[in-house]
Amino acid sequence: MKSDVDKLVAKHAELIHSDGLKVHSHTQREDGDWILHTLMIDGYDVPFKFKRKKKYQSLKGTKVNMTYYPETVTVAGFEIETMKVVRIKRY
């Protein structure tokens, strides 16, 4: 029987799933009614972003499983690659 992650990855070819990623830093800031979370992962040079309605306990120093896809954002005329997190769970 396939897990939820396997079903998501099979349905959407651009999704990436990674297990046991160590969180280097975790910031949370308000963005309207939402809280924007930004994670930096050890071994990666791009930020991982997701939104939630509520604040989340700090993930700094923990390991997580994530499902995400690459995304390009334009900031002040520069294109910056980020990862948009679809699913995140503690390892």
N, C-alpha and C. Protein backbone atom coordinates (compact mmCIF):
# COMPACT_ATOMS: atom_id res chain seq x y z
N MET A 1 0.84 -1.18 0.00
CA MET A 1 0.00 0.00 0.00
C MET A 1 0.89 1.25 0.00
N LYS A 2 0.57 2.19 -0.86
CA LYS A 2 1.37 3.41 -0.97
C LYS A 2 1.04 4.39 0.15
N SER A 3 2.08 5.10 0.62
CA SER A 3 1.87 6.13 1.64
C SER A 3 1.38 7.41 0.96
N ASP A 4 0.97 8.38 1.77
CA ASP A 4 0.51 9.67 1.24
C ASP A 4 1.60 10.35 0.43
N VAL A 5 2.85 10.26 0.91
CA VAL A 5 3.97 10.89 0.22
C VAL A 5 4.18 10.25 -1.15
N ASP A 6 4.15 8.94 -1.21
CA ASP A 6 4.33 8.24 -2.49
C ASP A 6 3.24 8.63 -3.48
N LYS A 7 2.01 8.78 -3.00
CA LYS A 7 0.91 9.18 -3.88
C LYS A 7 1.12 10.59 -4.42
N LEU A 8 1.56 11.52 -3.54
CA LEU A 8 1.82 12.90 -3.98
C LEU A 8 2.92 12.97 -5.02
N VAL A 9 4.03 12.28 -4.76
CA VAL A 9 5.18 12.31 -5.67
C VAL A 9 4.83 11.66 -7.01
N ALA A 10 4.04 10.60 -6.98
CA ALA A 10 3.63 9.94 -8.23
C ALA A 10 2.70 10.83 -9.05
N LYS A 11 1.86 11.61 -8.38
CA LYS A 11 0.89 12.45 -9.07
C LYS A 11 1.54 13.72 -9.65
N HIS A 12 2.52 14.28 -8.93
CA HIS A 12 3.16 15.53 -9.33
C HIS A 12 4.66 15.29 -9.54
N ALA A 13 5.09 15.29 -10.77
CA ALA A 13 6.46 14.92 -11.12
C ALA A 13 7.52 15.88 -10.55
N GLU A 14 7.17 17.15 -10.34
CA GLU A 14 8.18 18.09 -9.87
C GLU A 14 8.40 18.07 -8.36
N LEU A 15 7.58 17.34 -7.61
CA LEU A 15 7.74 17.26 -6.17
C LEU A 15 8.98 16.44 -5.79
N ILE A 16 9.61 16.84 -4.70
CA ILE A 16 10.78 16.15 -4.17
C ILE A 16 10.49 15.81 -2.71
N HIS A 17 10.81 14.60 -2.29
CA HIS A 17 10.63 14.22 -0.88
C HIS A 17 12.00 13.86 -0.29
N SER A 18 12.28 14.41 0.88
CA SER A 18 13.54 14.14 1.57
C SER A 18 13.28 13.80 3.02
N ASP A 19 13.99 12.80 3.52
CA ASP A 19 13.85 12.36 4.91
C ASP A 19 15.09 12.73 5.71
N GLY A 20 14.90 13.07 6.98
CA GLY A 20 16.01 13.29 7.90
C GLY A 20 16.86 14.50 7.61
N LEU A 21 16.26 15.60 7.13
CA LEU A 21 17.01 16.83 6.88
C LEU A 21 17.16 17.60 8.19
N LYS A 22 18.38 18.06 8.49
CA LYS A 22 18.63 18.80 9.72
C LYS A 22 18.41 20.29 9.49
N VAL A 23 17.60 20.89 10.35
CA VAL A 23 17.26 22.32 10.24
C VAL A 23 18.36 23.14 10.90
N HIS A 24 18.95 24.04 10.12
CA HIS A 24 20.01 24.92 10.62
C HIS A 24 19.40 26.16 11.29
N SER A 25 18.39 26.76 10.66
CA SER A 25 17.71 27.91 11.26
C SER A 25 16.24 27.90 10.85
N HIS A 26 15.41 28.52 11.71
CA HIS A 26 13.97 28.59 11.49
C HIS A 26 13.49 29.96 11.92
N THR A 27 12.94 30.74 10.97
CA THR A 27 12.39 32.05 11.30
C THR A 27 10.90 32.06 11.01
N GLN A 28 10.17 32.88 11.76
CA GLN A 28 8.73 33.01 11.59
C GLN A 28 8.40 34.50 11.58
N ARG A 29 7.64 34.95 10.57
CA ARG A 29 7.21 36.35 10.53
C ARG A 29 5.80 36.45 10.00
N GLU A 30 5.11 37.48 10.44
CA GLU A 30 3.73 37.68 10.02
C GLU A 30 3.69 38.16 8.58
N ASP A 31 2.72 37.62 7.83
CA ASP A 31 2.49 38.02 6.44
C ASP A 31 0.97 38.12 6.26
N GLY A 32 0.42 39.25 6.71
CA GLY A 32 -1.04 39.40 6.70
C GLY A 32 -1.63 38.52 7.80
N ASP A 33 -2.60 37.68 7.44
CA ASP A 33 -3.21 36.76 8.41
C ASP A 33 -2.40 35.49 8.60
N TRP A 34 -1.36 35.31 7.81
CA TRP A 34 -0.56 34.09 7.83
C TRP A 34 0.77 34.32 8.54
N ILE A 35 1.40 33.22 8.96
CA ILE A 35 2.76 33.25 9.50
C ILE A 35 3.65 32.59 8.45
N LEU A 36 4.64 33.33 7.95
CA LEU A 36 5.58 32.81 6.94
C LEU A 36 6.77 32.20 7.67
N HIS A 37 7.01 30.92 7.41
CA HIS A 37 8.12 30.19 8.02
C HIS A 37 9.21 29.99 6.98
N THR A 38 10.44 30.25 7.36
CA THR A 38 11.58 30.05 6.47
C THR A 38 12.59 29.16 7.19
N LEU A 39 12.96 28.06 6.53
CA LEU A 39 13.93 27.12 7.09
C LEU A 39 15.19 27.13 6.24
N MET A 40 16.33 27.07 6.89
CA MET A 40 17.59 26.82 6.20
C MET A 40 18.02 25.43 6.65
N ILE A 41 18.36 24.59 5.67
CA ILE A 41 18.69 23.20 5.91
C ILE A 41 20.19 22.99 5.71
N ASP A 42 20.82 22.20 6.59
CA ASP A 42 22.24 21.90 6.46
C ASP A 42 22.51 21.23 5.11
N GLY A 43 23.49 21.74 4.37
CA GLY A 43 23.86 21.18 3.08
C GLY A 43 23.15 21.79 1.90
N TYR A 44 22.20 22.70 2.13
CA TYR A 44 21.46 23.37 1.06
C TYR A 44 21.68 24.87 1.16
N ASP A 45 21.76 25.54 0.00
CA ASP A 45 21.98 26.99 -0.03
C ASP A 45 20.72 27.78 -0.32
N VAL A 46 19.57 27.13 -0.36
CA VAL A 46 18.32 27.82 -0.68
C VAL A 46 17.37 27.74 0.52
N PRO A 47 16.53 28.78 0.69
CA PRO A 47 15.56 28.74 1.79
C PRO A 47 14.36 27.86 1.44
N PHE A 48 13.82 27.21 2.44
CA PHE A 48 12.60 26.40 2.32
C PHE A 48 11.50 27.20 3.01
N LYS A 49 10.39 27.50 2.28
CA LYS A 49 9.35 28.36 2.82
C LYS A 49 8.00 27.65 2.84
N PHE A 50 7.22 27.98 3.88
CA PHE A 50 5.84 27.54 3.95
C PHE A 50 5.06 28.49 4.84
N LYS A 51 3.72 28.49 4.69
CA LYS A 51 2.85 29.35 5.48
C LYS A 51 1.93 28.50 6.33
N ARG A 52 1.62 29.04 7.52
CA ARG A 52 0.63 28.43 8.42
C ARG A 52 -0.18 29.55 9.05
N LYS A 53 -1.32 29.21 9.57
CA LYS A 53 -2.16 30.21 10.24
C LYS A 53 -1.61 30.57 11.63
N LYS A 54 -0.92 29.61 12.27
CA LYS A 54 -0.42 29.82 13.63
C LYS A 54 1.10 29.70 13.66
N LYS A 55 1.70 30.23 14.74
CA LYS A 55 3.13 30.03 14.94
C LYS A 55 3.39 28.56 15.20
N TYR A 56 4.61 28.13 14.92
CA TYR A 56 5.01 26.74 15.05
C TYR A 56 6.15 26.70 16.04
N GLN A 57 6.27 25.63 16.80
CA GLN A 57 7.42 25.54 17.70
C GLN A 57 8.70 25.54 16.87
N SER A 58 9.76 26.06 17.44
CA SER A 58 11.02 26.18 16.70
C SER A 58 11.54 24.82 16.26
N LEU A 59 11.94 24.74 15.00
CA LEU A 59 12.49 23.51 14.44
C LEU A 59 14.01 23.52 14.38
N LYS A 60 14.63 24.59 14.88
CA LYS A 60 16.08 24.71 14.82
C LYS A 60 16.75 23.54 15.53
N GLY A 61 17.66 22.87 14.82
CA GLY A 61 18.41 21.76 15.37
C GLY A 61 17.73 20.41 15.27
N THR A 62 16.48 20.37 14.81
CA THR A 62 15.76 19.10 14.69
C THR A 62 15.90 18.53 13.28
N LYS A 63 15.49 17.28 13.13
CA LYS A 63 15.45 16.66 11.81
C LYS A 63 14.00 16.60 11.36
N VAL A 64 13.78 16.82 10.06
CA VAL A 64 12.43 16.83 9.51
C VAL A 64 12.35 16.03 8.22
N ASN A 65 11.16 15.59 7.89
CA ASN A 65 10.86 15.01 6.59
C ASN A 65 10.06 16.06 5.84
N MET A 66 10.43 16.35 4.59
CA MET A 66 9.73 17.38 3.83
C MET A 66 9.42 16.92 2.42
N THR A 67 8.30 17.41 1.93
CA THR A 67 7.95 17.27 0.53
C THR A 67 7.87 18.70 0.00
N TYR A 68 8.58 19.00 -1.08
CA TYR A 68 8.71 20.37 -1.57
C TYR A 68 8.95 20.37 -3.07
N TYR A 69 8.87 21.57 -3.66
CA TYR A 69 9.23 21.72 -5.06
C TYR A 69 9.96 23.05 -5.26
N PRO A 70 10.84 23.12 -6.27
CA PRO A 70 11.59 24.36 -6.53
C PRO A 70 10.67 25.46 -7.06
N GLU A 71 11.01 26.68 -6.70
CA GLU A 71 10.21 27.83 -7.10
C GLU A 71 11.18 29.00 -7.29
N THR A 72 10.92 29.86 -8.27
CA THR A 72 11.76 31.03 -8.49
C THR A 72 10.95 32.28 -8.14
N VAL A 73 11.54 33.14 -7.30
CA VAL A 73 10.90 34.37 -6.84
C VAL A 73 11.75 35.54 -7.30
N THR A 74 11.11 36.61 -7.78
CA THR A 74 11.83 37.81 -8.19
C THR A 74 11.75 38.84 -7.06
N VAL A 75 12.92 39.24 -6.56
CA VAL A 75 13.02 40.23 -5.49
C VAL A 75 13.94 41.34 -5.97
N ALA A 76 13.42 42.54 -6.05
CA ALA A 76 14.19 43.72 -6.47
C ALA A 76 14.90 43.47 -7.81
N GLY A 77 14.24 42.80 -8.72
CA GLY A 77 14.80 42.56 -10.05
C GLY A 77 15.71 41.34 -10.15
N PHE A 78 15.98 40.68 -9.04
CA PHE A 78 16.83 39.49 -9.04
C PHE A 78 15.96 38.25 -8.89
N GLU A 79 16.31 37.22 -9.64
CA GLU A 79 15.61 35.95 -9.49
C GLU A 79 16.31 35.12 -8.43
N ILE A 80 15.54 34.67 -7.44
CA ILE A 80 16.08 33.88 -6.35
C ILE A 80 15.34 32.54 -6.31
N GLU A 81 16.11 31.44 -6.22
CA GLU A 81 15.49 30.13 -6.13
C GLU A 81 15.15 29.83 -4.67
N THR A 82 13.93 29.38 -4.44
CA THR A 82 13.49 28.94 -3.12
C THR A 82 12.81 27.58 -3.27
N MET A 83 12.55 26.96 -2.17
CA MET A 83 11.82 25.69 -2.17
C MET A 83 10.50 25.91 -1.44
N LYS A 84 9.40 25.60 -2.10
CA LYS A 84 8.09 25.74 -1.48
C LYS A 84 7.70 24.41 -0.84
N VAL A 85 7.56 24.42 0.47
CA VAL A 85 7.26 23.20 1.23
C VAL A 85 5.76 22.92 1.17
N VAL A 86 5.44 21.68 0.79
CA VAL A 86 4.06 21.25 0.71
C VAL A 86 3.67 20.47 1.96
N ARG A 87 4.62 19.71 2.49
CA ARG A 87 4.36 18.85 3.64
C ARG A 87 5.62 18.79 4.49
N ILE A 88 5.47 18.95 5.81
CA ILE A 88 6.63 18.88 6.71
C ILE A 88 6.21 18.14 7.98
N LYS A 89 7.09 17.27 8.44
CA LYS A 89 6.86 16.52 9.68
C LYS A 89 8.19 16.33 10.39
N ARG A 90 8.14 16.30 11.70
CA ARG A 90 9.36 15.97 12.46
C ARG A 90 9.77 14.56 12.14
N TYR A 91 11.05 14.31 12.10
CA TYR A 91 11.64 13.01 11.76
C TYR A 91 11.45 12.03 12.88
